[in-house]
Amino acid sequence: PPLLAVGFFGAARPTLAQIAGGNTELAEWLVSNNIEVGDEVGANGFRQIYYVWDGKKNFITDTNYTNGETDSEGEYITWMGLAELGSWQIFLYHIPTAVTTQLSASSNNANPKVSKGRVVWERWVNQLGGGVWQIFLFDRVRILQLTEGDLSTDPDFEGDLVTYSRKISAGIQRKDH
């Protein structure tokens, strides 16, 4: 098995280099490390998202709207951008392929967290009697609404579980998995 692993790594290394635009070192480093991410006001006056590699800021957005609230793990970065008609939307960026995916396109969305390429966030959902924050999950294939009814906020990952706070009708708050 160790010999097979070395052989596989040797065969995969050129593919990693191609995916990361020739930066094999970055692709390999991302396998077991988190990269520094942030946002700052760009030349166009809007906040833009970047990651730092080899002492250099690499901007991944250049939009005519504000972006912020970054979170990253390994080769993934998520954030919210004020994209659609003045409402916040959720985005996911894969560093090795430089691919950005917009995960939401309606209502206000906030507080994204990423783990293993999965993203969890809050979305404002209109329902009978008003609106309330609910928890949504992108599981790398599809988007699922995880909660309904009472207010649900503060989503995060704990291993393979999604955690969040929920305010039940009686006014009591609890942390759910």
C-alpha atoms as a PDB file:
ATOM      1  CA  PRO A   1       0.000   0.000   0.000  1.00  0.00           C
ATOM      2  CA  PRO A   2       2.717   2.622   0.731  1.00  0.00           C
ATOM      3  CA  LEU A   3       4.257   1.953  -2.684  1.00  0.00           C
ATOM      4  CA  LEU A   4       0.838   2.338  -4.327  1.00  0.00           C
ATOM      5  CA  ALA A   5       0.298   5.615  -2.485  1.00  0.00           C
ATOM      6  CA  VAL A   6       3.638   6.988  -3.687  1.00  0.00           C
ATOM      7  CA  GLY A   7       2.805   5.868  -7.242  1.00  0.00           C
ATOM      8  CA  PHE A   8      -0.628   7.506  -7.083  1.00  0.00           C
ATOM      9  CA  PHE A   9       0.846  10.750  -5.741  1.00  0.00           C
ATOM     10  CA  GLY A  10       3.439  10.747  -8.518  1.00  0.00           C
ATOM     11  CA  ALA A  11       0.712  10.281 -11.124  1.00  0.00           C
ATOM     12  CA  ALA A  12      -1.600  12.892  -9.542  1.00  0.00           C
ATOM     13  CA  ARG A  13       1.079  15.575  -9.128  1.00  0.00           C
ATOM     14  CA  PRO A  14       0.990  16.729 -12.808  1.00  0.00           C
ATOM     15  CA  THR A  15      -2.811  16.963 -12.597  1.00  0.00           C
ATOM     16  CA  LEU A  16      -2.576  19.091  -9.442  1.00  0.00           C
ATOM     17  CA  ALA A  17      -0.105  21.375 -11.198  1.00  0.00           C
ATOM     18  CA  GLN A  18      -2.435  21.751 -14.177  1.00  0.00           C
ATOM     19  CA  ILE A  19      -5.470  22.438 -11.957  1.00  0.00           C
ATOM     20  CA  ALA A  20      -3.667  25.091  -9.904  1.00  0.00           C
ATOM     21  CA  GLY A  21      -2.427  26.860 -13.016  1.00  0.00           C
ATOM     22  CA  GLY A  22       1.036  25.401 -12.604  1.00  0.00           C
ATOM     23  CA  ASN A  23       1.285  26.174  -8.882  1.00  0.00           C
ATOM     24  CA  THR A  24       1.844  22.659  -7.547  1.00  0.00           C
ATOM     25  CA  GLU A  25       3.066  24.017  -4.229  1.00  0.00           C
ATOM     26  CA  LEU A  26      -0.227  25.868  -3.558  1.00  0.00           C
ATOM     27  CA  ALA A  27      -2.395  22.891  -4.586  1.00  0.00           C
ATOM     28  CA  GLU A  28      -0.425  20.528  -2.342  1.00  0.00           C
ATOM     29  CA  TRP A  29      -0.383  22.992   0.577  1.00  0.00           C
ATOM     30  CA  LEU A  30      -4.187  23.437   0.423  1.00  0.00           C
ATOM     31  CA  VAL A  31      -4.735  19.701   0.972  1.00  0.00           C
ATOM     32  CA  SER A  32      -4.009  20.072   4.698  1.00  0.00           C
ATOM     33  CA  ASN A  33      -3.917  23.834   5.394  1.00  0.00           C
ATOM     34  CA  ASN A  34      -6.197  26.856   5.475  1.00  0.00           C
ATOM     35  CA  ILE A  35      -5.307  29.963   3.522  1.00  0.00           C
ATOM     36  CA  GLU A  36      -5.580  33.529   4.815  1.00  0.00           C
ATOM     37  CA  VAL A  37      -8.598  35.319   3.314  1.00  0.00           C
ATOM     38  CA  GLY A  38     -10.027  38.786   3.645  1.00  0.00           C
ATOM     39  CA  ASP A  39     -11.708  41.702   1.950  1.00  0.00           C
ATOM     40  CA  GLU A  40     -10.749  45.286   1.243  1.00  0.00           C
ATOM     41  CA  VAL A  41     -12.027  48.205  -0.789  1.00  0.00           C
ATOM     42  CA  GLY A  42     -10.898  47.920  -4.399  1.00  0.00           C
ATOM     43  CA  ALA A  43     -10.160  50.636  -6.954  1.00  0.00           C
ATOM     44  CA  ASN A  44     -13.862  50.706  -7.908  1.00  0.00           C
ATOM     45  CA  GLY A  45     -14.902  51.607  -4.325  1.00  0.00           C
ATOM     46  CA  PHE A  46     -16.468  48.226  -3.496  1.00  0.00           C
ATOM     47  CA  ARG A  47     -15.132  45.620  -1.043  1.00  0.00           C
ATOM     48  CA  GLN A  48     -13.453  42.708  -2.875  1.00  0.00           C
ATOM     49  CA  ILE A  49     -12.397  39.229  -1.664  1.00  0.00           C
ATOM     50  CA  TYR A  50      -8.803  37.970  -1.727  1.00  0.00           C
ATOM     51  CA  TYR A  51      -6.587  35.191  -0.430  1.00  0.00           C
ATOM     52  CA  VAL A  52      -2.909  35.492   0.481  1.00  0.00           C
ATOM     53  CA  TRP A  53      -0.361  33.130  -1.047  1.00  0.00           C
ATOM     54  CA  ASP A  54       3.391  33.576  -0.977  1.00  0.00           C
ATOM     55  CA  GLY A  55       2.986  37.027   0.597  1.00  0.00           C
ATOM     56  CA  LYS A  56       0.766  38.296  -2.254  1.00  0.00           C
ATOM     57  CA  LYS A  57      -2.943  39.157  -2.209  1.00  0.00           C
ATOM     58  CA  ASN A  58      -4.804  37.297  -4.959  1.00  0.00           C
ATOM     59  CA  PHE A  59      -8.177  38.950  -5.578  1.00  0.00           C
ATOM     60  CA  ILE A  60     -10.963  36.554  -6.543  1.00  0.00           C
ATOM     61  CA  THR A  61     -13.694  39.171  -7.023  1.00  0.00           C
ATOM     62  CA  ASP A  62     -13.798  42.326  -9.112  1.00  0.00           C
ATOM     63  CA  THR A  63     -17.451  43.244  -8.906  1.00  0.00           C
ATOM     64  CA  ASN A  64     -19.498  46.438  -8.911  1.00  0.00           C
ATOM     65  CA  TYR A  65     -20.970  45.510  -5.530  1.00  0.00           C
ATOM     66  CA  THR A  66     -19.680  44.925  -2.003  1.00  0.00           C
ATOM     67  CA  ASN A  67     -18.428  41.509  -0.857  1.00  0.00           C
ATOM     68  CA  GLY A  68     -17.543  40.402   2.687  1.00  0.00           C
ATOM     69  CA  GLU A  69     -17.960  37.924   5.556  1.00  0.00           C
ATOM     70  CA  THR A  70     -15.373  35.453   4.271  1.00  0.00           C
ATOM     71  CA  ASP A  71     -14.830  31.955   5.604  1.00  0.00           C
ATOM     72  CA  SER A  72     -12.346  29.401   4.308  1.00  0.00           C
ATOM     73  CA  GLU A  73     -11.246  25.831   4.771  1.00  0.00           C
ATOM     74  CA  GLY A  74      -8.613  24.075   2.697  1.00  0.00           C
ATOM     75  CA  GLU A  75      -9.161  24.802  -0.982  1.00  0.00           C
ATOM     76  CA  TYR A  76     -12.542  26.558  -0.525  1.00  0.00           C
ATOM     77  CA  ILE A  77     -13.555  30.142   0.245  1.00  0.00           C
ATOM     78  CA  THR A  78     -17.135  31.308   0.840  1.00  0.00           C
ATOM     79  CA  TRP A  79     -18.513  34.821   1.268  1.00  0.00           C
ATOM     80  CA  MET A  80     -21.569  36.976   0.797  1.00  0.00           C
ATOM     81  CA  GLY A  81     -21.918  39.605  -1.916  1.00  0.00           C
ATOM     82  CA  LEU A  82     -24.539  42.322  -2.316  1.00  0.00           C
ATOM     83  CA  ALA A  83     -25.301  41.099  -5.842  1.00  0.00           C
ATOM     84  CA  GLU A  84     -28.981  40.811  -6.666  1.00  0.00           C
ATOM     85  CA  LEU A  85     -31.199  43.889  -6.401  1.00  0.00           C
ATOM     86  CA  GLY A  86     -29.621  44.950  -3.119  1.00  0.00           C
ATOM     87  CA  SER A  87     -29.841  41.573  -1.388  1.00  0.00           C
ATOM     88  CA  TRP A  88     -26.931  39.517  -0.056  1.00  0.00           C
ATOM     89  CA  GLN A  89     -26.071  36.323  -1.947  1.00  0.00           C
ATOM     90  CA  ILE A  90     -23.720  33.438  -1.080  1.00  0.00           C
ATOM     91  CA  PHE A  91     -20.696  32.456  -3.195  1.00  0.00           C
ATOM     92  CA  LEU A  92     -18.216  29.561  -3.119  1.00  0.00           C
ATOM     93  CA  TYR A  93     -14.739  29.695  -4.669  1.00  0.00           C
ATOM     94  CA  HIS A  94     -12.518  26.681  -5.372  1.00  0.00           C
ATOM     95  CA  ILE A  95      -8.898  27.905  -5.281  1.00  0.00           C
ATOM     96  CA  PRO A  96      -7.181  25.221  -7.430  1.00  0.00           C
ATOM     97  CA  THR A  97      -9.633  25.617 -10.337  1.00  0.00           C
ATOM     98  CA  ALA A  98     -10.396  29.347  -9.811  1.00  0.00           C
ATOM     99  CA  VAL A  99     -14.118  28.566 -10.172  1.00  0.00           C
ATOM    100  CA  THR A 100     -16.718  30.730  -8.415  1.00  0.00           C
ATOM    101  CA  THR A 101     -20.228  29.355  -7.892  1.00  0.00           C
ATOM    102  CA  GLN A 102     -23.164  31.533  -6.795  1.00  0.00           C
ATOM    103  CA  LEU A 103     -25.169  29.400  -4.348  1.00  0.00           C
ATOM    104  CA  SER A 104     -28.157  31.685  -3.775  1.00  0.00           C
ATOM    105  CA  ALA A 105     -30.106  34.018  -6.013  1.00  0.00           C
ATOM    106  CA  SER A 106     -33.078  35.240  -4.016  1.00  0.00           C
ATOM    107  CA  SER A 107     -33.910  36.924  -0.731  1.00  0.00           C
ATOM    108  CA  ASN A 108     -31.222  37.982   1.751  1.00  0.00           C
ATOM    109  CA  ASN A 109     -28.575  35.428   2.707  1.00  0.00           C
ATOM    110  CA  ALA A 110     -25.944  35.748   5.434  1.00  0.00           C
ATOM    111  CA  ASN A 111     -23.353  34.127   7.682  1.00  0.00           C
ATOM    112  CA  PRO A 112     -21.834  31.502   5.330  1.00  0.00           C
ATOM    113  CA  LYS A 113     -19.510  28.784   6.703  1.00  0.00           C
ATOM    114  CA  VAL A 114     -17.581  26.229   4.639  1.00  0.00           C
ATOM    115  CA  SER A 115     -16.355  22.716   5.442  1.00  0.00           C
ATOM    116  CA  LYS A 116     -15.102  20.126   2.916  1.00  0.00           C
ATOM    117  CA  GLY A 117     -16.635  22.107   0.054  1.00  0.00           C
ATOM    118  CA  ARG A 118     -20.042  22.194   1.746  1.00  0.00           C
ATOM    119  CA  VAL A 119     -21.552  25.564   2.687  1.00  0.00           C
ATOM    120  CA  VAL A 120     -24.183  26.362   5.300  1.00  0.00           C
ATOM    121  CA  TRP A 121     -25.839  29.780   5.693  1.00  0.00           C
ATOM    122  CA  GLU A 122     -28.940  31.711   6.818  1.00  0.00           C
ATOM    123  CA  ARG A 123     -31.618  32.852   4.340  1.00  0.00           C
ATOM    124  CA  TRP A 124     -34.522  35.179   5.024  1.00  0.00           C
ATOM    125  CA  VAL A 125     -37.646  33.182   4.157  1.00  0.00           C
ATOM    126  CA  ASN A 126     -41.078  34.758   3.817  1.00  0.00           C
ATOM    127  CA  GLN A 127     -43.758  32.711   5.464  1.00  0.00           C
ATOM    128  CA  LEU A 128     -47.294  33.150   6.713  1.00  0.00           C
ATOM    129  CA  GLY A 129     -47.292  35.990   9.204  1.00  0.00           C
ATOM    130  CA  GLY A 130     -43.960  37.531   8.097  1.00  0.00           C
ATOM    131  CA  GLY A 131     -40.457  36.323   7.531  1.00  0.00           C
ATOM    132  CA  VAL A 132     -37.768  34.502   9.473  1.00  0.00           C
ATOM    133  CA  TRP A 133     -34.162  33.318   9.074  1.00  0.00           C
ATOM    134  CA  GLN A 134     -33.787  29.653   8.092  1.00  0.00           C
ATOM    135  CA  ILE A 135     -30.733  27.423   7.560  1.00  0.00           C
ATOM    136  CA  PHE A 136     -29.661  26.243   4.100  1.00  0.00           C
ATOM    137  CA  LEU A 137     -26.948  23.778   3.054  1.00  0.00           C
ATOM    138  CA  PHE A 138     -25.061  23.281  -0.204  1.00  0.00           C
ATOM    139  CA  ASP A 139     -23.870  19.658   0.045  1.00  0.00           C
ATOM    140  CA  ARG A 140     -21.625  19.898  -3.087  1.00  0.00           C
ATOM    141  CA  VAL A 141     -24.491  18.614  -5.253  1.00  0.00           C
ATOM    142  CA  ARG A 142     -27.683  20.496  -4.351  1.00  0.00           C
ATOM    143  CA  ILE A 143     -29.090  23.146  -2.002  1.00  0.00           C
ATOM    144  CA  LEU A 144     -31.269  21.971   0.863  1.00  0.00           C
ATOM    145  CA  GLN A 145     -33.389  23.939   3.331  1.00  0.00           C
ATOM    146  CA  LEU A 146     -32.574  22.356   6.698  1.00  0.00           C
ATOM    147  CA  THR A 147     -35.021  24.250   8.933  1.00  0.00           C
ATOM    148  CA  GLU A 148     -38.485  25.733   8.740  1.00  0.00           C
ATOM    149  CA  GLY A 149     -40.832  27.472  11.128  1.00  0.00           C
ATOM    150  CA  ASP A 150     -39.123  29.073  14.134  1.00  0.00           C
ATOM    151  CA  LEU A 151     -36.128  31.425  13.811  1.00  0.00           C
ATOM    152  CA  SER A 152     -32.887  29.526  13.039  1.00  0.00           C
ATOM    153  CA  THR A 153     -29.491  31.311  12.999  1.00  0.00           C
ATOM    154  CA  ASP A 154     -25.735  30.917  13.565  1.00  0.00           C
ATOM    155  CA  PRO A 155     -25.071  27.931  11.266  1.00  0.00           C
ATOM    156  CA  ASP A 156     -21.716  26.159  11.427  1.00  0.00           C
ATOM    157  CA  PHE A 157     -20.116  22.752  11.008  1.00  0.00           C
ATOM    158  CA  GLU A 158     -19.054  20.414  13.788  1.00  0.00           C
ATOM    159  CA  GLY A 159     -17.320  17.577  11.978  1.00  0.00           C
ATOM    160  CA  ASP A 160     -19.899  16.225   9.537  1.00  0.00           C
ATOM    161  CA  LEU A 161     -22.815  17.772  11.453  1.00  0.00           C
ATOM    162  CA  VAL A 162     -24.461  21.144  10.834  1.00  0.00           C
ATOM    163  CA  THR A 163     -25.112  23.116  14.017  1.00  0.00           C
ATOM    164  CA  TYR A 164     -27.351  26.156  14.451  1.00  0.00           C
ATOM    165  CA  SER A 165     -29.307  28.094  17.070  1.00  0.00           C
ATOM    166  CA  ARG A 166     -33.082  27.943  17.086  1.00  0.00           C
ATOM    167  CA  LYS A 167     -35.575  30.144  18.918  1.00  0.00           C
ATOM    168  CA  ILE A 168     -38.677  28.057  19.482  1.00  0.00           C
ATOM    169  CA  SER A 169     -42.079  29.683  19.838  1.00  0.00           C
ATOM    170  CA  ALA A 170     -41.881  29.672  23.651  1.00  0.00           C
ATOM    171  CA  GLY A 171     -38.881  32.025  23.385  1.00  0.00           C
ATOM    172  CA  ILE A 172     -36.279  29.474  24.498  1.00  0.00           C
ATOM    173  CA  GLN A 173     -33.050  29.244  22.496  1.00  0.00           C
ATOM    174  CA  ARG A 174     -31.236  25.988  21.936  1.00  0.00           C
ATOM    175  CA  LYS A 175     -28.367  24.688  19.810  1.00  0.00           C
ATOM    176  CA  ASP A 176     -29.414  21.933  17.365  1.00  0.00           C
ATOM    177  CA  HIS A 177     -27.408  19.487  15.218  1.00  0.00           C
END
